[in-house]
């Protein structure tokens, strides 16, 4: 879809929102995943759980912004 109308999609607010959300999701996910892999305790600390919730919300926003591309 994007390859046929690349310039139109590039200037779309939905596309820009999706790319921003994708970048933030990757930046949050990668270090969080490394910290979770190193965690050897029985329970993860509260801040890792909070980071995981934030990561999930960011990935959800990537999908929602992707749906918004066609509407905005």
N, C-alpha and C. Protein backbone atom coordinates (compact mmCIF):
# COMPACT_ATOMS: atom_id res chain seq x y z
N UNK A 1 0.82 -1.17 0.00
CA UNK A 1 0.00 0.00 0.00
C UNK A 1 0.87 1.26 0.00
N UNK A 2 1.90 1.26 0.80
CA UNK A 2 2.75 2.45 0.90
C UNK A 2 3.62 2.61 -0.33
N UNK A 3 4.05 1.53 -0.94
CA UNK A 3 4.96 1.65 -2.08
C UNK A 3 4.30 2.29 -3.30
N UNK A 4 3.01 2.15 -3.45
CA UNK A 4 2.33 2.73 -4.60
C UNK A 4 2.08 4.23 -4.43
N UNK A 5 1.85 4.67 -3.23
CA UNK A 5 1.55 6.07 -2.95
C UNK A 5 2.51 6.59 -1.88
N UNK A 6 3.78 6.44 -2.11
CA UNK A 6 4.77 6.72 -1.08
C UNK A 6 4.73 8.17 -0.59
N UNK A 7 4.68 9.13 -1.50
CA UNK A 7 4.69 10.53 -1.08
C UNK A 7 3.41 10.91 -0.36
N UNK A 8 2.29 10.38 -0.82
CA UNK A 8 1.02 10.67 -0.15
C UNK A 8 1.04 10.12 1.27
N UNK A 9 1.54 8.91 1.45
CA UNK A 9 1.60 8.31 2.78
C UNK A 9 2.64 8.97 3.66
N UNK A 10 3.73 9.44 3.07
CA UNK A 10 4.79 10.08 3.84
C UNK A 10 4.27 11.33 4.53
N UNK A 11 3.41 12.07 3.88
CA UNK A 11 2.89 13.30 4.46
C UNK A 11 1.61 13.07 5.27
N UNK A 12 1.17 11.84 5.39
CA UNK A 12 -0.01 11.51 6.18
C UNK A 12 0.31 11.58 7.67
N UNK A 13 -0.57 12.21 8.44
CA UNK A 13 -0.36 12.30 9.88
C UNK A 13 -0.40 10.92 10.55
N UNK A 14 -1.23 10.04 10.03
CA UNK A 14 -1.31 8.69 10.59
C UNK A 14 -0.01 7.92 10.40
N UNK A 15 0.60 8.07 9.22
CA UNK A 15 1.87 7.39 8.95
C UNK A 15 2.97 7.92 9.85
N UNK A 16 3.01 9.23 10.02
CA UNK A 16 4.03 9.82 10.89
C UNK A 16 3.84 9.39 12.34
N UNK A 17 2.58 9.31 12.77
CA UNK A 17 2.30 8.84 14.13
C UNK A 17 2.74 7.39 14.30
N UNK A 18 2.51 6.58 13.27
CA UNK A 18 2.90 5.17 13.35
C UNK A 18 4.42 5.03 13.42
N UNK A 19 5.13 5.78 12.60
CA UNK A 19 6.60 5.69 12.61
C UNK A 19 7.17 6.19 13.94
N UNK A 20 6.58 7.24 14.51
CA UNK A 20 7.02 7.72 15.82
C UNK A 20 6.76 6.68 16.89
N UNK A 21 5.57 6.10 16.88
CA UNK A 21 5.23 5.07 17.86
C UNK A 21 6.13 3.83 17.69
N UNK A 22 6.43 3.47 16.45
CA UNK A 22 7.29 2.32 16.20
C UNK A 22 8.70 2.57 16.72
N UNK A 23 9.23 3.76 16.46
CA UNK A 23 10.56 4.10 16.96
C UNK A 23 10.61 4.08 18.48
N UNK A 24 9.61 4.67 19.13
CA UNK A 24 9.57 4.66 20.59
C UNK A 24 9.43 3.25 21.14
N UNK A 25 8.59 2.43 20.49
CA UNK A 25 8.39 1.07 20.96
C UNK A 25 9.68 0.26 20.88
N UNK A 26 10.44 0.45 19.82
CA UNK A 26 11.71 -0.28 19.68
C UNK A 26 12.72 0.20 20.71
N UNK A 27 12.78 1.52 20.92
CA UNK A 27 13.73 2.08 21.88
C UNK A 27 13.42 1.61 23.30
N UNK A 28 12.15 1.45 23.63
CA UNK A 28 11.77 0.97 24.97
C UNK A 28 11.94 -0.54 25.06
N UNK A 29 11.59 -1.27 24.02
CA UNK A 29 11.57 -2.73 24.06
C UNK A 29 12.96 -3.35 24.18
N UNK A 30 13.91 -2.87 23.41
CA UNK A 30 15.22 -3.53 23.35
C UNK A 30 15.95 -3.54 24.70
N UNK A 31 16.13 -2.41 25.38
CA UNK A 31 16.80 -2.48 26.68
C UNK A 31 15.96 -3.21 27.73
N UNK A 32 14.65 -3.08 27.64
CA UNK A 32 13.78 -3.77 28.59
C UNK A 32 13.93 -5.28 28.44
N UNK A 33 14.00 -5.75 27.21
CA UNK A 33 14.18 -7.18 26.96
C UNK A 33 15.52 -7.66 27.52
N UNK A 34 16.56 -6.87 27.36
CA UNK A 34 17.88 -7.25 27.89
C UNK A 34 17.84 -7.31 29.41
N UNK A 35 17.17 -6.36 30.05
CA UNK A 35 17.08 -6.37 31.52
C UNK A 35 16.26 -7.55 32.01
N UNK A 36 15.20 -7.88 31.31
CA UNK A 36 14.39 -9.03 31.71
C UNK A 36 15.16 -10.33 31.54
N UNK A 37 16.00 -10.41 30.53
CA UNK A 37 16.79 -11.63 30.31
C UNK A 37 17.83 -11.80 31.43
N UNK A 38 18.37 -10.70 31.95
CA UNK A 38 19.36 -10.77 33.02
C UNK A 38 18.75 -11.03 34.38
N UNK A 39 17.47 -10.75 34.53
CA UNK A 39 16.80 -10.89 35.82
C UNK A 39 16.75 -12.36 36.21
N UNK A 40 17.41 -12.73 37.30
CA UNK A 40 17.44 -14.11 37.75
C UNK A 40 16.57 -14.33 38.97
N UNK A 41 15.96 -13.27 39.47
CA UNK A 41 15.11 -13.38 40.66
C UNK A 41 13.81 -14.09 40.35
N UNK A 42 13.11 -14.44 41.41
CA UNK A 42 11.83 -15.11 41.24
C UNK A 42 10.78 -14.16 40.67
N UNK A 43 10.82 -12.91 41.13
CA UNK A 43 9.86 -11.92 40.66
C UNK A 43 10.60 -10.75 40.05
N UNK A 44 10.01 -10.19 39.03
CA UNK A 44 10.60 -9.01 38.40
C UNK A 44 10.31 -7.79 39.27
N UNK A 45 11.24 -6.85 39.34
CA UNK A 45 10.99 -5.62 40.09
C UNK A 45 9.81 -4.83 39.50
N UNK A 46 9.24 -3.95 40.30
CA UNK A 46 8.06 -3.19 39.86
C UNK A 46 8.36 -2.35 38.62
N UNK A 47 9.56 -1.82 38.52
CA UNK A 47 9.87 -0.94 37.39
C UNK A 47 9.99 -1.73 36.09
N UNK A 48 10.37 -3.01 36.17
CA UNK A 48 10.37 -3.83 34.95
C UNK A 48 8.93 -4.15 34.51
N UNK A 49 8.07 -4.35 35.50
CA UNK A 49 6.67 -4.59 35.16
C UNK A 49 6.03 -3.35 34.57
N UNK A 50 6.35 -2.19 35.12
CA UNK A 50 5.82 -0.93 34.58
C UNK A 50 6.36 -0.69 33.17
N UNK A 51 7.64 -0.97 32.96
CA UNK A 51 8.22 -0.83 31.63
C UNK A 51 7.58 -1.77 30.63
N UNK A 52 7.24 -2.96 31.07
CA UNK A 52 6.57 -3.92 30.19
C UNK A 52 5.18 -3.43 29.80
N UNK A 53 4.47 -2.84 30.75
CA UNK A 53 3.15 -2.29 30.45
C UNK A 53 3.26 -1.13 29.46
N UNK A 54 4.26 -0.27 29.65
CA UNK A 54 4.48 0.84 28.72
C UNK A 54 4.82 0.31 27.34
N UNK A 55 5.64 -0.73 27.28
CA UNK A 55 6.00 -1.33 26.00
C UNK A 55 4.77 -1.89 25.29
N UNK A 56 3.91 -2.57 26.02
CA UNK A 56 2.69 -3.09 25.42
C UNK A 56 1.80 -1.98 24.89
N UNK A 57 1.69 -0.89 25.64
CA UNK A 57 0.88 0.23 25.18
C UNK A 57 1.47 0.87 23.93
N UNK A 58 2.79 0.95 23.86
CA UNK A 58 3.43 1.50 22.67
C UNK A 58 3.18 0.62 21.45
N UNK A 59 3.28 -0.70 21.62
CA UNK A 59 3.02 -1.60 20.48
C UNK A 59 1.56 -1.53 20.06
N UNK A 60 0.66 -1.36 21.02
CA UNK A 60 -0.75 -1.20 20.69
C UNK A 60 -0.95 0.09 19.89
N UNK A 61 -0.25 1.15 20.28
CA UNK A 61 -0.38 2.42 19.56
C UNK A 61 0.17 2.31 18.14
N UNK A 62 1.16 1.45 17.91
CA UNK A 62 1.66 1.23 16.54
C UNK A 62 0.53 0.66 15.68
N UNK A 63 -0.18 -0.31 16.20
CA UNK A 63 -1.28 -0.90 15.44
C UNK A 63 -2.43 0.07 15.22
N UNK A 64 -2.77 0.83 16.25
CA UNK A 64 -3.85 1.81 16.10
C UNK A 64 -3.48 2.92 15.13
N UNK A 65 -2.25 3.37 15.18
CA UNK A 65 -1.81 4.40 14.25
C UNK A 65 -1.78 3.86 12.82
N UNK A 66 -1.46 2.58 12.68
CA UNK A 66 -1.50 1.96 11.35
C UNK A 66 -2.92 1.95 10.78
N UNK A 67 -3.90 1.71 11.64
CA UNK A 67 -5.29 1.76 11.19
C UNK A 67 -5.70 3.18 10.84
N UNK A 68 -5.09 4.16 11.51
CA UNK A 68 -5.45 5.57 11.29
C UNK A 68 -4.92 6.10 9.97
N UNK A 69 -3.96 5.41 9.36
CA UNK A 69 -3.39 5.89 8.10
C UNK A 69 -4.50 6.05 7.05
N UNK A 70 -5.39 5.12 6.97
CA UNK A 70 -6.45 5.19 5.97
C UNK A 70 -7.53 6.21 6.26
N UNK A 71 -7.61 6.67 7.52
CA UNK A 71 -8.68 7.58 7.90
C UNK A 71 -8.26 9.02 8.01
N UNK A 72 -6.98 9.29 8.21
CA UNK A 72 -6.54 10.68 8.38
C UNK A 72 -6.00 11.25 7.09
